[in-house]
Amino acid sequence: MAEQATKVTKEQVINALREVYDPEIPVNVFDLGLVYDISIDDENKVAITMTLTAPGCGMGPYIGQQAEWRIAEIEGVEDVEVEIVAEPAWSSDLITPEGKQILGIA
């Protein structure tokens, strides 16, 4: 009987994303409110939908790659897909309370 792989959790993915930063802002991408959706299928394939603080941000590919690499390091993850979308547009209303505290706008 094949050994069942450990199920990757949303909490693990969020914790990984909290280690990814926009180089221009001292808040991680999750608490900045850039992550719109996290899905994990039965085969531990992780899909992330995220945005950037500004359309056409030159750091977009870098941020997306960092998110992909960090999630891929989670034990059990089979594949990672990071999709960066422009709509809906990001707004500061999406920043978590933790992010607002870091930015001094809590």
C-alpha atoms as a PDB file:
ATOM      1  CA  MET A   1       0.000   0.000   0.000  1.00  0.00           C
ATOM      2  CA  ALA A   2       1.398   3.389  -0.996  1.00  0.00           C
ATOM      3  CA  GLU A   3       2.097   5.849   1.773  1.00  0.00           C
ATOM      4  CA  GLN A   4      -0.323   8.786   1.806  1.00  0.00           C
ATOM      5  CA  ALA A   5       1.419  12.137   1.393  1.00  0.00           C
ATOM      6  CA  THR A   6       0.839  14.700   4.103  1.00  0.00           C
ATOM      7  CA  LYS A   7      -1.832  17.209   3.109  1.00  0.00           C
ATOM      8  CA  VAL A   8      -0.426  20.688   2.622  1.00  0.00           C
ATOM      9  CA  THR A   9      -2.485  23.263   4.535  1.00  0.00           C
ATOM     10  CA  LYS A  10      -3.525  26.803   3.703  1.00  0.00           C
ATOM     11  CA  GLU A  11      -1.838  27.889   6.939  1.00  0.00           C
ATOM     12  CA  GLN A  12       1.498  26.487   5.694  1.00  0.00           C
ATOM     13  CA  VAL A  13       1.114  28.399   2.433  1.00  0.00           C
ATOM     14  CA  ILE A  14       0.220  31.623   4.258  1.00  0.00           C
ATOM     15  CA  ASN A  15       3.247  31.218   6.528  1.00  0.00           C
ATOM     16  CA  ALA A  16       5.464  30.770   3.454  1.00  0.00           C
ATOM     17  CA  LEU A  17       3.953  33.850   1.802  1.00  0.00           C
ATOM     18  CA  ARG A  18       4.683  35.841   4.945  1.00  0.00           C
ATOM     19  CA  GLU A  19       8.364  35.394   4.042  1.00  0.00           C
ATOM     20  CA  VAL A  20       7.963  37.032   0.609  1.00  0.00           C
ATOM     21  CA  TYR A  21       8.314  40.798   0.367  1.00  0.00           C
ATOM     22  CA  ASP A  22       7.845  43.508  -2.192  1.00  0.00           C
ATOM     23  CA  PRO A  23      11.392  44.989  -2.128  1.00  0.00           C
ATOM     24  CA  GLU A  24       9.938  48.495  -1.948  1.00  0.00           C
ATOM     25  CA  ILE A  25       7.578  47.903   1.003  1.00  0.00           C
ATOM     26  CA  PRO A  26       8.564  46.423   4.402  1.00  0.00           C
ATOM     27  CA  VAL A  27       5.432  44.232   4.617  1.00  0.00           C
ATOM     28  CA  ASN A  28       5.090  40.675   3.322  1.00  0.00           C
ATOM     29  CA  VAL A  29       2.824  39.987   0.342  1.00  0.00           C
ATOM     30  CA  PHE A  30       0.159  38.247   2.431  1.00  0.00           C
ATOM     31  CA  ASP A  31      -0.249  40.981   5.040  1.00  0.00           C
ATOM     32  CA  LEU A  32      -0.029  43.607   2.305  1.00  0.00           C
ATOM     33  CA  GLY A  33      -3.222  42.090   0.904  1.00  0.00           C
ATOM     34  CA  LEU A  34      -1.722  41.058  -2.432  1.00  0.00           C
ATOM     35  CA  VAL A  35      -2.909  37.432  -2.211  1.00  0.00           C
ATOM     36  CA  TYR A  36      -6.488  37.020  -3.434  1.00  0.00           C
ATOM     37  CA  ASP A  37      -6.819  33.239  -3.480  1.00  0.00           C
ATOM     38  CA  ILE A  38      -5.001  30.125  -2.291  1.00  0.00           C
ATOM     39  CA  SER A  39      -6.151  26.711  -3.443  1.00  0.00           C
ATOM     40  CA  ILE A  40      -4.628  23.322  -2.731  1.00  0.00           C
ATOM     41  CA  ASP A  41      -5.900  20.258  -4.562  1.00  0.00           C
ATOM     42  CA  ASP A  42      -5.884  16.630  -3.394  1.00  0.00           C
ATOM     43  CA  GLU A  43      -2.459  16.103  -4.975  1.00  0.00           C
ATOM     44  CA  ASN A  44      -0.898  19.019  -3.032  1.00  0.00           C
ATOM     45  CA  LYS A  45      -0.717  21.242  -6.080  1.00  0.00           C
ATOM     46  CA  VAL A  46      -0.912  24.839  -4.888  1.00  0.00           C
ATOM     47  CA  ALA A  47      -2.405  27.661  -6.959  1.00  0.00           C
ATOM     48  CA  ILE A  48      -2.130  31.276  -5.874  1.00  0.00           C
ATOM     49  CA  THR A  49      -3.884  34.282  -7.376  1.00  0.00           C
ATOM     50  CA  MET A  50      -2.267  37.546  -6.395  1.00  0.00           C
ATOM     51  CA  THR A  51      -1.889  41.116  -7.544  1.00  0.00           C
ATOM     52  CA  LEU A  52       0.631  43.920  -7.254  1.00  0.00           C
ATOM     53  CA  THR A  53       0.357  47.280  -5.515  1.00  0.00           C
ATOM     54  CA  ALA A  54       0.522  49.040  -8.885  1.00  0.00           C
ATOM     55  CA  PRO A  55      -0.327  47.820 -12.390  1.00  0.00           C
ATOM     56  CA  GLY A  56       2.795  47.128 -14.418  1.00  0.00           C
ATOM     57  CA  CYS A  57       5.016  47.048 -11.335  1.00  0.00           C
ATOM     58  CA  GLY A  58       8.483  46.132 -12.574  1.00  0.00           C
ATOM     59  CA  MET A  59       9.007  43.906  -9.536  1.00  0.00           C
ATOM     60  CA  GLY A  60       5.992  41.714 -10.401  1.00  0.00           C
ATOM     61  CA  PRO A  61       7.932  38.836 -11.983  1.00  0.00           C
ATOM     62  CA  TYR A  62      10.431  38.886  -9.101  1.00  0.00           C
ATOM     63  CA  ILE A  63       7.700  38.847  -6.436  1.00  0.00           C
ATOM     64  CA  GLY A  64       5.793  36.062  -8.205  1.00  0.00           C
ATOM     65  CA  GLN A  65       8.961  33.962  -8.531  1.00  0.00           C
ATOM     66  CA  GLN A  66       9.830  34.463  -4.860  1.00  0.00           C
ATOM     67  CA  ALA A  67       6.313  33.351  -3.856  1.00  0.00           C
ATOM     68  CA  GLU A  68       6.557  30.280  -6.090  1.00  0.00           C
ATOM     69  CA  TRP A  69       9.983  29.289  -4.740  1.00  0.00           C
ATOM     70  CA  ARG A  70       8.984  29.762  -1.109  1.00  0.00           C
ATOM     71  CA  ILE A  71       5.797  27.693  -1.470  1.00  0.00           C
ATOM     72  CA  ALA A  72       7.709  24.973  -3.335  1.00  0.00           C
ATOM     73  CA  GLU A  73       9.905  24.563  -0.234  1.00  0.00           C
ATOM     74  CA  ILE A  74       6.921  23.360   1.841  1.00  0.00           C
ATOM     75  CA  GLU A  75       7.188  19.639   2.471  1.00  0.00           C
ATOM     76  CA  GLY A  76       4.677  17.736   0.365  1.00  0.00           C
ATOM     77  CA  VAL A  77       4.000  20.425  -2.251  1.00  0.00           C
ATOM     78  CA  GLU A  78       3.916  18.771  -5.679  1.00  0.00           C
ATOM     79  CA  ASP A  79       3.539  21.847  -7.881  1.00  0.00           C
ATOM     80  CA  VAL A  80       3.008  25.601  -7.561  1.00  0.00           C
ATOM     81  CA  GLU A  81       1.275  28.013  -9.900  1.00  0.00           C
ATOM     82  CA  VAL A  82       1.320  31.737  -9.166  1.00  0.00           C
ATOM     83  CA  GLU A  83      -0.991  33.866 -11.282  1.00  0.00           C
ATOM     84  CA  ILE A  84      -0.590  37.631 -11.083  1.00  0.00           C
ATOM     85  CA  VAL A  85      -3.760  39.499 -12.013  1.00  0.00           C
ATOM     86  CA  ALA A  86      -4.550  43.192 -12.475  1.00  0.00           C
ATOM     87  CA  GLU A  87      -8.236  42.925 -11.590  1.00  0.00           C
ATOM     88  CA  PRO A  88      -9.534  43.540  -9.070  1.00  0.00           C
ATOM     89  CA  ALA A  89      -7.041  46.302  -8.440  1.00  0.00           C
ATOM     90  CA  TRP A  90      -5.221  46.308  -5.115  1.00  0.00           C
ATOM     91  CA  SER A  91      -6.121  48.927  -2.530  1.00  0.00           C
ATOM     92  CA  SER A  92      -4.791  49.698   0.927  1.00  0.00           C
ATOM     93  CA  ASP A  93      -8.111  48.434   2.326  1.00  0.00           C
ATOM     94  CA  LEU A  94      -6.795  44.901   1.687  1.00  0.00           C
ATOM     95  CA  ILE A  95      -3.875  45.244   4.126  1.00  0.00           C
ATOM     96  CA  THR A  96      -4.323  42.969   7.146  1.00  0.00           C
ATOM     97  CA  PRO A  97      -4.323  44.435  10.666  1.00  0.00           C
ATOM     98  CA  GLU A  98      -0.781  43.017  11.084  1.00  0.00           C
ATOM     99  CA  GLY A  99       0.336  44.785   7.917  1.00  0.00           C
ATOM    100  CA  LYS A 100      -1.223  48.071   9.007  1.00  0.00           C
ATOM    101  CA  GLN A 101       0.583  47.815  12.323  1.00  0.00           C
ATOM    102  CA  ILE A 102       3.933  47.310  10.572  1.00  0.00           C
ATOM    103  CA  LEU A 103       3.245  50.312   8.338  1.00  0.00           C
ATOM    104  CA  GLY A 104       2.133  52.414  11.317  1.00  0.00           C
ATOM    105  CA  ILE A 105      -1.376  52.957   9.945  1.00  0.00           C
ATOM    106  CA  ALA A 106      -3.251  50.756  12.436  1.00  0.00           C
END
